[in-house]
Amino acid sequence: NEELLARIRSLVQLKFFADSLEDAEQIIIALAKVI
């Protein structure tokens, strides 16, 4: 259980970080459309 939870916790944190980067990329694309 401890090993499984540790791996899940780490990977979910990375997923949240990746989502924030994707959101930032979408903002850049939206800005390019405005330009």
PDB file of all heavy atoms in Angstrom:
ATOM      1  N   ASN A   1       0.812  -1.220   0.000  1.00  0.00           N
ATOM      2  CA  ASN A   1       0.000   0.000   0.000  1.00  0.00           C
ATOM      3  C   ASN A   1       0.842   1.265   0.000  1.00  0.00           C
ATOM      4  O   ASN A   1       0.564   2.218  -0.733  1.00  0.00           O
ATOM      5  CB  ASN A   1      -0.940   0.011   1.205  1.00  0.00           C
ATOM      6  CG  ASN A   1      -2.042  -1.020   1.092  1.00  0.00           C
ATOM      7  OD1 ASN A   1      -2.169  -1.705   0.065  1.00  0.00           O
ATOM      8  ND2 ASN A   1      -2.842  -1.155   2.138  1.00  0.00           N
ATOM      9  N   GLU A   2       1.867   1.301   0.841  1.00  0.00           N
ATOM     10  CA  GLU A   2       2.697   2.497   0.963  1.00  0.00           C
ATOM     11  C   GLU A   2       3.400   2.817  -0.357  1.00  0.00           C
ATOM     12  O   GLU A   2       3.474   3.979  -0.778  1.00  0.00           O
ATOM     13  CB  GLU A   2       3.745   2.331   2.076  1.00  0.00           C
ATOM     14  CG  GLU A   2       3.160   2.196   3.476  1.00  0.00           C
ATOM     15  CD  GLU A   2       2.656   0.776   3.760  1.00  0.00           C
ATOM     16  OE1 GLU A   2       2.869  -0.133   2.905  1.00  0.00           O
ATOM     17  OE2 GLU A   2       2.025   0.594   4.812  1.00  0.00           O
ATOM     18  N   GLU A   3       3.918   1.789  -1.010  1.00  0.00           N
ATOM     19  CA  GLU A   3       4.612   2.002  -2.285  1.00  0.00           C
ATOM     20  C   GLU A   3       3.633   2.506  -3.352  1.00  0.00           C
ATOM     21  O   GLU A   3       3.929   3.448  -4.091  1.00  0.00           O
ATOM     22  CB  GLU A   3       5.260   0.708  -2.762  1.00  0.00           C
ATOM     23  CG  GLU A   3       5.978   0.848  -4.098  1.00  0.00           C
ATOM     24  CD  GLU A   3       6.517  -0.465  -4.636  1.00  0.00           C
ATOM     25  OE1 GLU A   3       6.396  -1.490  -3.931  1.00  0.00           O
ATOM     26  OE2 GLU A   3       7.042  -0.459  -5.766  1.00  0.00           O
ATOM     27  N   LEU A   4       2.461   1.878  -3.417  1.00  0.00           N
ATOM     28  CA  LEU A   4       1.462   2.287  -4.397  1.00  0.00           C
ATOM     29  C   LEU A   4       1.047   3.742  -4.183  1.00  0.00           C
ATOM     30  O   LEU A   4       1.001   4.540  -5.125  1.00  0.00           O
ATOM     31  CB  LEU A   4       0.240   1.375  -4.303  1.00  0.00           C
ATOM     32  CG  LEU A   4      -0.935   1.731  -5.231  1.00  0.00           C
ATOM     33  CD1 LEU A   4      -0.532   1.557  -6.687  1.00  0.00           C
ATOM     34  CD2 LEU A   4      -2.158   0.884  -4.899  1.00  0.00           C
ATOM     35  N   LEU A   5       0.766   4.119  -2.949  1.00  0.00           N
ATOM     36  CA  LEU A   5       0.339   5.481  -2.648  1.00  0.00           C
ATOM     37  C   LEU A   5       1.422   6.501  -2.971  1.00  0.00           C
ATOM     38  O   LEU A   5       1.136   7.582  -3.483  1.00  0.00           O
ATOM     39  CB  LEU A   5      -0.062   5.592  -1.173  1.00  0.00           C
ATOM     40  CG  LEU A   5      -1.386   4.910  -0.801  1.00  0.00           C
ATOM     41  CD1 LEU A   5      -1.534   4.815   0.709  1.00  0.00           C
ATOM     42  CD2 LEU A   5      -2.575   5.659  -1.409  1.00  0.00           C
ATOM     43  N   ALA A   6       2.676   6.156  -2.681  1.00  0.00           N
ATOM     44  CA  ALA A   6       3.776   7.079  -2.966  1.00  0.00           C
ATOM     45  C   ALA A   6       3.907   7.316  -4.460  1.00  0.00           C
ATOM     46  O   ALA A   6       4.101   8.451  -4.918  1.00  0.00           O
ATOM     47  CB  ALA A   6       5.086   6.524  -2.399  1.00  0.00           C
ATOM     48  N   ARG A   7       3.782   6.259  -5.255  1.00  0.00           N
ATOM     49  CA  ARG A   7       3.890   6.401  -6.709  1.00  0.00           C
ATOM     50  C   ARG A   7       2.719   7.212  -7.268  1.00  0.00           C
ATOM     51  O   ARG A   7       2.910   8.082  -8.129  1.00  0.00           O
ATOM     52  CB  ARG A   7       3.938   5.026  -7.366  1.00  0.00           C
ATOM     53  CG  ARG A   7       5.207   4.246  -7.070  1.00  0.00           C
ATOM     54  CD  ARG A   7       5.290   2.999  -7.909  1.00  0.00           C
ATOM     55  NE  ARG A   7       6.435   2.186  -7.551  1.00  0.00           N
ATOM     56  CZ  ARG A   7       6.880   1.153  -8.272  1.00  0.00           C
ATOM     57  NH1 ARG A   7       6.254   0.838  -9.396  1.00  0.00           N
ATOM     58  NH2 ARG A   7       7.917   0.460  -7.892  1.00  0.00           N
ATOM     59  N   ILE A   8       1.536   6.928  -6.781  1.00  0.00           N
ATOM     60  CA  ILE A   8       0.359   7.656  -7.258  1.00  0.00           C
ATOM     61  C   ILE A   8       0.468   9.136  -6.912  1.00  0.00           C
ATOM     62  O   ILE A   8       0.201  10.012  -7.753  1.00  0.00           O
ATOM     63  CB  ILE A   8      -0.926   7.049  -6.660  1.00  0.00           C
ATOM     64  CG1 ILE A   8      -1.214   5.704  -7.328  1.00  0.00           C
ATOM     65  CG2 ILE A   8      -2.111   8.001  -6.831  1.00  0.00           C
ATOM     66  CD1 ILE A   8      -2.386   4.966  -6.733  1.00  0.00           C
ATOM     67  N   ARG A   9       0.860   9.438  -5.678  1.00  0.00           N
ATOM     68  CA  ARG A   9       0.975  10.829  -5.243  1.00  0.00           C
ATOM     69  C   ARG A   9       1.937  11.598  -6.146  1.00  0.00           C
ATOM     70  O   ARG A   9       1.645  12.702  -6.603  1.00  0.00           O
ATOM     71  CB  ARG A   9       1.453  10.885  -3.794  1.00  0.00           C
ATOM     72  CG  ARG A   9       1.387  12.287  -3.172  1.00  0.00           C
ATOM     73  CD  ARG A   9       1.851  12.253  -1.717  1.00  0.00           C
ATOM     74  NE  ARG A   9       1.091  11.300  -0.926  1.00  0.00           N
ATOM     75  CZ  ARG A   9       1.597  10.172  -0.409  1.00  0.00           C
ATOM     76  NH1 ARG A   9       2.867   9.853  -0.603  1.00  0.00           N
ATOM     77  NH2 ARG A   9       0.838   9.366   0.294  1.00  0.00           N
ATOM     78  N   SER A  10       3.086  10.998  -6.440  1.00  0.00           N
ATOM     79  CA  SER A  10       4.099  11.652  -7.275  1.00  0.00           C
ATOM     80  C   SER A  10       3.594  11.873  -8.693  1.00  0.00           C
ATOM     81  O   SER A  10       3.746  12.962  -9.266  1.00  0.00           O
ATOM     82  CB  SER A  10       5.368  10.801  -7.295  1.00  0.00           C
ATOM     83  OG  SER A  10       6.319  11.322  -8.196  1.00  0.00           O
ATOM     84  N   LEU A  11       2.955  10.852  -9.260  1.00  0.00           N
ATOM     85  CA  LEU A  11       2.503  10.955 -10.651  1.00  0.00           C
ATOM     86  C   LEU A  11       1.330  11.915 -10.808  1.00  0.00           C
ATOM     87  O   LEU A  11       1.231  12.628 -11.808  1.00  0.00           O
ATOM     88  CB  LEU A  11       2.119   9.567 -11.181  1.00  0.00           C
ATOM     89  CG  LEU A  11       3.306   8.610 -11.397  1.00  0.00           C
ATOM     90  CD1 LEU A  11       2.802   7.210 -11.722  1.00  0.00           C
ATOM     91  CD2 LEU A  11       4.222   9.121 -12.503  1.00  0.00           C
ATOM     92  N   VAL A  12       0.443  11.965  -9.835  1.00  0.00           N
ATOM     93  CA  VAL A  12      -0.680  12.908  -9.911  1.00  0.00           C
ATOM     94  C   VAL A  12      -0.169  14.345  -9.812  1.00  0.00           C
ATOM     95  O   VAL A  12      -0.653  15.237 -10.518  1.00  0.00           O
ATOM     96  CB  VAL A  12      -1.723  12.606  -8.815  1.00  0.00           C
ATOM     97  CG1 VAL A  12      -2.739  13.745  -8.696  1.00  0.00           C
ATOM     98  CG2 VAL A  12      -2.458  11.307  -9.124  1.00  0.00           C
ATOM     99  N   GLN A  13       0.826  14.572  -8.963  1.00  0.00           N
ATOM    100  CA  GLN A  13       1.424  15.913  -8.877  1.00  0.00           C
ATOM    101  C   GLN A  13       2.027  16.319 -10.210  1.00  0.00           C
ATOM    102  O   GLN A  13       1.870  17.461 -10.665  1.00  0.00           O
ATOM    103  CB  GLN A  13       2.481  15.950  -7.782  1.00  0.00           C
ATOM    104  CG  GLN A  13       1.908  15.943  -6.373  1.00  0.00           C
ATOM    105  CD  GLN A  13       2.983  15.865  -5.305  1.00  0.00           C
ATOM    106  OE1 GLN A  13       4.138  15.533  -5.585  1.00  0.00           O
ATOM    107  NE2 GLN A  13       2.599  16.144  -4.075  1.00  0.00           N
ATOM    108  N   LEU A  14       2.715  15.384 -10.876  1.00  0.00           N
ATOM    109  CA  LEU A  14       3.289  15.674 -12.193  1.00  0.00           C
ATOM    110  C   LEU A  14       2.189  15.959 -13.216  1.00  0.00           C
ATOM    111  O   LEU A  14       2.343  16.821 -14.083  1.00  0.00           O
ATOM    112  CB  LEU A  14       4.156  14.500 -12.661  1.00  0.00           C
ATOM    113  CG  LEU A  14       5.517  14.352 -11.987  1.00  0.00           C
ATOM    114  CD1 LEU A  14       6.196  13.064 -12.442  1.00  0.00           C
ATOM    115  CD2 LEU A  14       6.405  15.550 -12.295  1.00  0.00           C
ATOM    116  N   LYS A  15       1.074  15.226 -13.113  1.00  0.00           N
ATOM    117  CA  LYS A  15      -0.045  15.456 -14.031  1.00  0.00           C
ATOM    118  C   LYS A  15      -0.627  16.859 -13.833  1.00  0.00           C
ATOM    119  O   LYS A  15      -0.925  17.568 -14.803  1.00  0.00           O
ATOM    120  CB  LYS A  15      -1.122  14.402 -13.792  1.00  0.00           C
ATOM    121  CG  LYS A  15      -2.414  14.600 -14.608  1.00  0.00           C
ATOM    122  CD  LYS A  15      -2.150  14.553 -16.109  1.00  0.00           C
ATOM    123  CE  LYS A  15      -3.405  14.400 -16.921  1.00  0.00           C
ATOM    124  NZ  LYS A  15      -4.430  15.425 -16.686  1.00  0.00           N
ATOM    125  N   PHE A  16      -0.777  17.283 -12.574  1.00  0.00           N
ATOM    126  CA  PHE A  16      -1.282  18.634 -12.316  1.00  0.00           C
ATOM    127  C   PHE A  16      -0.347  19.682 -12.902  1.00  0.00           C
ATOM    128  O   PHE A  16      -0.781  20.683 -13.476  1.00  0.00           O
ATOM    129  CB  PHE A  16      -1.442  18.858 -10.815  1.00  0.00           C
ATOM    130  CG  PHE A  16      -2.597  18.106 -10.198  1.00  0.00           C
ATOM    131  CD1 PHE A  16      -2.669  17.934  -8.828  1.00  0.00           C
ATOM    132  CD2 PHE A  16      -3.603  17.570 -10.983  1.00  0.00           C
ATOM    133  CE1 PHE A  16      -3.728  17.252  -8.243  1.00  0.00           C
ATOM    134  CE2 PHE A  16      -4.665  16.873 -10.416  1.00  0.00           C
ATOM    135  CZ  PHE A  16      -4.726  16.721  -9.040  1.00  0.00           C
ATOM    136  N   PHE A  17       0.965  19.436 -12.775  1.00  0.00           N
ATOM    137  CA  PHE A  17       1.952  20.365 -13.323  1.00  0.00           C
ATOM    138  C   PHE A  17       1.854  20.402 -14.848  1.00  0.00           C
ATOM    139  O   PHE A  17       1.857  21.478 -15.460  1.00  0.00           O
ATOM    140  CB  PHE A  17       3.352  19.949 -12.889  1.00  0.00           C
ATOM    141  CG  PHE A  17       4.442  20.825 -13.424  1.00  0.00           C
ATOM    142  CD1 PHE A  17       4.526  22.160 -13.067  1.00  0.00           C
ATOM    143  CD2 PHE A  17       5.397  20.323 -14.305  1.00  0.00           C
ATOM    144  CE1 PHE A  17       5.532  22.979 -13.562  1.00  0.00           C
ATOM    145  CE2 PHE A  17       6.403  21.128 -14.806  1.00  0.00           C
ATOM    146  CZ  PHE A  17       6.472  22.457 -14.430  1.00  0.00           C
ATOM    147  N   ALA A  18       1.732  19.219 -15.466  1.00  0.00           N
ATOM    148  CA  ALA A  18       1.605  19.152 -16.929  1.00  0.00           C
ATOM    149  C   ALA A  18       0.345  19.862 -17.399  1.00  0.00           C
ATOM    150  O   ALA A  18       0.344  20.553 -18.415  1.00  0.00           O
ATOM    151  CB  ALA A  18       1.601  17.691 -17.392  1.00  0.00           C
ATOM    152  N   ASP A  19      -0.755  19.708 -16.641  1.00  0.00           N
ATOM    153  CA  ASP A  19      -2.001  20.395 -17.005  1.00  0.00           C
ATOM    154  C   ASP A  19      -1.826  21.905 -16.980  1.00  0.00           C
ATOM    155  O   ASP A  19      -2.351  22.621 -17.839  1.00  0.00           O
ATOM    156  CB  ASP A  19      -3.124  19.998 -16.042  1.00  0.00           C
ATOM    157  CG  ASP A  19      -3.665  18.603 -16.324  1.00  0.00           C
ATOM    158  OD1 ASP A  19      -3.354  18.051 -17.395  1.00  0.00           O
ATOM    159  OD2 ASP A  19      -4.387  18.066 -15.470  1.00  0.00           O
ATOM    160  N   SER A  20      -1.080  22.397 -15.985  1.00  0.00           N
ATOM    161  CA  SER A  20      -0.868  23.844 -15.898  1.00  0.00           C
ATOM    162  C   SER A  20      -0.066  24.350 -17.088  1.00  0.00           C
ATOM    163  O   SER A  20      -0.306  25.442 -17.603  1.00  0.00           O
ATOM    164  CB  SER A  20      -0.173  24.207 -14.584  1.00  0.00           C
ATOM    165  OG  SER A  20       1.184  23.778 -14.573  1.00  0.00           O
ATOM    166  N   LEU A  21       0.901  23.526 -17.556  1.00  0.00           N
ATOM    167  CA  LEU A  21       1.677  23.908 -18.735  1.00  0.00           C
ATOM    168  C   LEU A  21       0.799  23.906 -19.985  1.00  0.00           C
ATOM    169  O   LEU A  21       0.918  24.780 -20.844  1.00  0.00           O
ATOM    170  CB  LEU A  21       2.865  22.958 -18.918  1.00  0.00           C
ATOM    171  CG  LEU A  21       3.953  23.024 -17.848  1.00  0.00           C
ATOM    172  CD1 LEU A  21       5.033  21.994 -18.126  1.00  0.00           C
ATOM    173  CD2 LEU A  21       4.555  24.417 -17.755  1.00  0.00           C
ATOM    174  N   GLU A  22      -0.078  22.901 -20.088  1.00  0.00           N
ATOM    175  CA  GLU A  22      -0.984  22.856 -21.236  1.00  0.00           C
ATOM    176  C   GLU A  22      -1.930  24.052 -21.220  1.00  0.00           C
ATOM    177  O   GLU A  22      -2.233  24.632 -22.256  1.00  0.00           O
ATOM    178  CB  GLU A  22      -1.788  21.549 -21.218  1.00  0.00           C
ATOM    179  CG  GLU A  22      -1.003  20.347 -21.704  1.00  0.00           C
ATOM    180  CD  GLU A  22      -1.908  19.299 -22.328  1.00  0.00           C
ATOM    181  OE1 GLU A  22      -3.054  19.127 -21.867  1.00  0.00           O
ATOM    182  OE2 GLU A  22      -1.463  18.660 -23.287  1.00  0.00           O
ATOM    183  N   ASP A  23      -2.393  24.425 -20.032  1.00  0.00           N
ATOM    184  CA  ASP A  23      -3.264  25.598 -19.929  1.00  0.00           C
ATOM    185  C   ASP A  23      -2.518  26.853 -20.375  1.00  0.00           C
ATOM    186  O   ASP A  23      -3.078  27.714 -21.065  1.00  0.00           O
ATOM    187  CB  ASP A  23      -3.755  25.775 -18.486  1.00  0.00           C
ATOM    188  CG  ASP A  23      -4.761  24.702 -18.085  1.00  0.00           C
ATOM    189  OD1 ASP A  23      -5.303  24.042 -18.989  1.00  0.00           O
ATOM    190  OD2 ASP A  23      -4.989  24.529 -16.871  1.00  0.00           O
ATOM    191  N   ALA A  24      -1.240  26.959 -19.983  1.00  0.00           N
ATOM    192  CA  ALA A  24      -0.437  28.112 -20.388  1.00  0.00           C
ATOM    193  C   ALA A  24      -0.263  28.136 -21.904  1.00  0.00           C
ATOM    194  O   ALA A  24      -0.323  29.197 -22.540  1.00  0.00           O
ATOM    195  CB  ALA A  24       0.930  28.067 -19.698  1.00  0.00           C
ATOM    196  N   GLU A  25      -0.083  26.960 -22.507  1.00  0.00           N
ATOM    197  CA  GLU A  25       0.062  26.892 -23.962  1.00  0.00           C
ATOM    198  C   GLU A  25      -1.229  27.335 -24.646  1.00  0.00           C
ATOM    199  O   GLU A  25      -1.199  28.035 -25.661  1.00  0.00           O
ATOM    200  CB  GLU A  25       0.423  25.468 -24.395  1.00  0.00           C
ATOM    201  CG  GLU A  25       0.673  25.344 -25.887  1.00  0.00           C
ATOM    202  CD  GLU A  25       1.216  23.987 -26.275  1.00  0.00           C
ATOM    203  OE1 GLU A  25       1.791  23.299 -25.416  1.00  0.00           O
ATOM    204  OE2 GLU A  25       1.080  23.632 -27.450  1.00  0.00           O
ATOM    205  N   GLN A  26      -2.371  26.950 -24.075  1.00  0.00           N
ATOM    206  CA  GLN A  26      -3.647  27.373 -24.652  1.00  0.00           C
ATOM    207  C   GLN A  26      -3.814  28.890 -24.573  1.00  0.00           C
ATOM    208  O   GLN A  26      -4.396  29.509 -25.463  1.00  0.00           O
ATOM    209  CB  GLN A  26      -4.810  26.668 -23.941  1.00  0.00           C
ATOM    210  CG  GLN A  26      -4.908  25.186 -24.239  1.00  0.00           C
ATOM    211  CD  GLN A  26      -4.987  24.883 -25.723  1.00  0.00           C
ATOM    212  OE1 GLN A  26      -5.765  25.494 -26.447  1.00  0.00           O
ATOM    213  NE2 GLN A  26      -4.169  23.947 -26.189  1.00  0.00           N
ATOM    214  N   ILE A  27      -3.290  29.489 -23.509  1.00  0.00           N
ATOM    215  CA  ILE A  27      -3.341  30.949 -23.389  1.00  0.00           C
ATOM    216  C   ILE A  27      -2.494  31.592 -24.479  1.00  0.00           C
ATOM    217  O   ILE A  27      -2.889  32.591 -25.091  1.00  0.00           O
ATOM    218  CB  ILE A  27      -2.857  31.385 -21.987  1.00  0.00           C
ATOM    219  CG1 ILE A  27      -3.888  30.964 -20.927  1.00  0.00           C
ATOM    220  CG2 ILE A  27      -2.643  32.900 -21.934  1.00  0.00           C
ATOM    221  CD1 ILE A  27      -3.408  31.131 -19.505  1.00  0.00           C
ATOM    222  N   ILE A  28      -1.312  31.017 -24.742  1.00  0.00           N
ATOM    223  CA  ILE A  28      -0.438  31.528 -25.803  1.00  0.00           C
ATOM    224  C   ILE A  28      -1.143  31.440 -27.154  1.00  0.00           C
ATOM    225  O   ILE A  28      -1.110  32.374 -27.965  1.00  0.00           O
ATOM    226  CB  ILE A  28       0.890  30.747 -25.834  1.00  0.00           C
ATOM    227  CG1 ILE A  28       1.718  31.033 -24.582  1.00  0.00           C
ATOM    228  CG2 ILE A  28       1.688  31.075 -27.090  1.00  0.00           C
ATOM    229  CD1 ILE A  28       2.203  32.462 -24.473  1.00  0.00           C
ATOM    230  N   ILE A  29      -1.806  30.307 -27.406  1.00  0.00           N
ATOM    231  CA  ILE A  29      -2.519  30.131 -28.675  1.00  0.00           C
ATOM    232  C   ILE A  29      -3.658  31.137 -28.791  1.00  0.00           C
ATOM    233  O   ILE A  29      -3.871  31.738 -29.851  1.00  0.00           O
ATOM    234  CB  ILE A  29      -3.039  28.683 -28.798  1.00  0.00           C
ATOM    235  CG1 ILE A  29      -1.859  27.719 -28.971  1.00  0.00           C
ATOM    236  CG2 ILE A  29      -4.002  28.554 -29.973  1.00  0.00           C
ATOM    237  CD1 ILE A  29      -2.238  26.262 -28.870  1.00  0.00           C
ATOM    238  N   ALA A  30      -4.385  31.340 -27.686  1.00  0.00           N
ATOM    239  CA  ALA A  30      -5.471  32.328 -27.695  1.00  0.00           C
ATOM    240  C   ALA A  30      -4.926  33.725 -27.956  1.00  0.00           C
ATOM    241  O   ALA A  30      -5.530  34.511 -28.699  1.00  0.00           O
ATOM    242  CB  ALA A  30      -6.222  32.288 -26.363  1.00  0.00           C
ATOM    243  N   LEU A  31      -3.772  34.034 -27.364  1.00  0.00           N
ATOM    244  CA  LEU A  31      -3.153  35.340 -27.576  1.00  0.00           C
ATOM    245  C   LEU A  31      -2.749  35.506 -29.042  1.00  0.00           C
ATOM    246  O   LEU A  31      -2.919  36.583 -29.625  1.00  0.00           O
ATOM    247  CB  LEU A  31      -1.935  35.484 -26.661  1.00  0.00           C
ATOM    248  CG  LEU A  31      -1.171  36.810 -26.709  1.00  0.00           C
ATOM    249  CD1 LEU A  31      -2.080  37.975 -26.360  1.00  0.00           C
ATOM    250  CD2 LEU A  31       0.018  36.762 -25.748  1.00  0.00           C
ATOM    251  N   ALA A  32      -2.224  34.424 -29.638  1.00  0.00           N
ATOM    252  CA  ALA A  32      -1.840  34.479 -31.055  1.00  0.00           C
ATOM    253  C   ALA A  32      -3.060  34.748 -31.933  1.00  0.00           C
ATOM    254  O   ALA A  32      -2.975  35.486 -32.924  1.00  0.00           O
ATOM    255  CB  ALA A  32      -1.169  33.166 -31.461  1.00  0.00           C
ATOM    256  N   LYS A  33      -4.208  34.175 -31.582  1.00  0.00           N
ATOM    257  CA  LYS A  33      -5.432  34.424 -32.342  1.00  0.00           C
ATOM    258  C   LYS A  33      -5.855  35.884 -32.227  1.00  0.00           C
ATOM    259  O   LYS A  33      -6.337  36.481 -33.194  1.00  0.00           O
ATOM    260  CB  LYS A  33      -6.554  33.512 -31.843  1.00  0.00           C
ATOM    261  CG  LYS A  33      -6.369  32.044 -32.197  1.00  0.00           C
ATOM    262  CD  LYS A  33      -7.554  31.229 -31.700  1.00  0.00           C
ATOM    263  CE  LYS A  33      -7.404  29.759 -32.056  1.00  0.00           C
ATOM    264  NZ  LYS A  33      -8.552  28.952 -31.597  1.00  0.00           N
ATOM    265  N   VAL A  34      -5.670  36.439 -31.030  1.00  0.00           N
ATOM    266  CA  VAL A  34      -5.992  37.852 -30.830  1.00  0.00           C
ATOM    267  C   VAL A  34      -5.106  38.727 -31.706  1.00  0.00           C
ATOM    268  O   VAL A  34      -5.553  39.705 -32.313  1.00  0.00           O
ATOM    269  CB  VAL A  34      -5.836  38.249 -29.342  1.00  0.00           C
ATOM    270  CG1 VAL A  34      -5.921  39.760 -29.164  1.00  0.00           C
ATOM    271  CG2 VAL A  34      -6.906  37.563 -28.501  1.00  0.00           C
ATOM    272  N   ILE A  35      -3.829  38.363 -31.795  1.00  0.00           N
ATOM    273  CA  ILE A  35      -2.893  39.119 -32.635  1.00  0.00           C
ATOM    274  C   ILE A  35      -3.312  39.038 -34.099  1.00  0.00           C
ATOM    275  O   ILE A  35      -3.328  40.038 -34.818  1.00  0.00           O
ATOM    276  CB  ILE A  35      -1.455  38.597 -32.446  1.00  0.00           C
ATOM    277  CG1 ILE A  35      -0.972  38.924 -31.028  1.00  0.00           C
ATOM    278  CG2 ILE A  35      -0.506  39.197 -33.482  1.00  0.00           C
ATOM    279  CD1 ILE A  35       0.295  38.199 -30.646  1.00  0.00           C
TER     280      ILE A  35
END
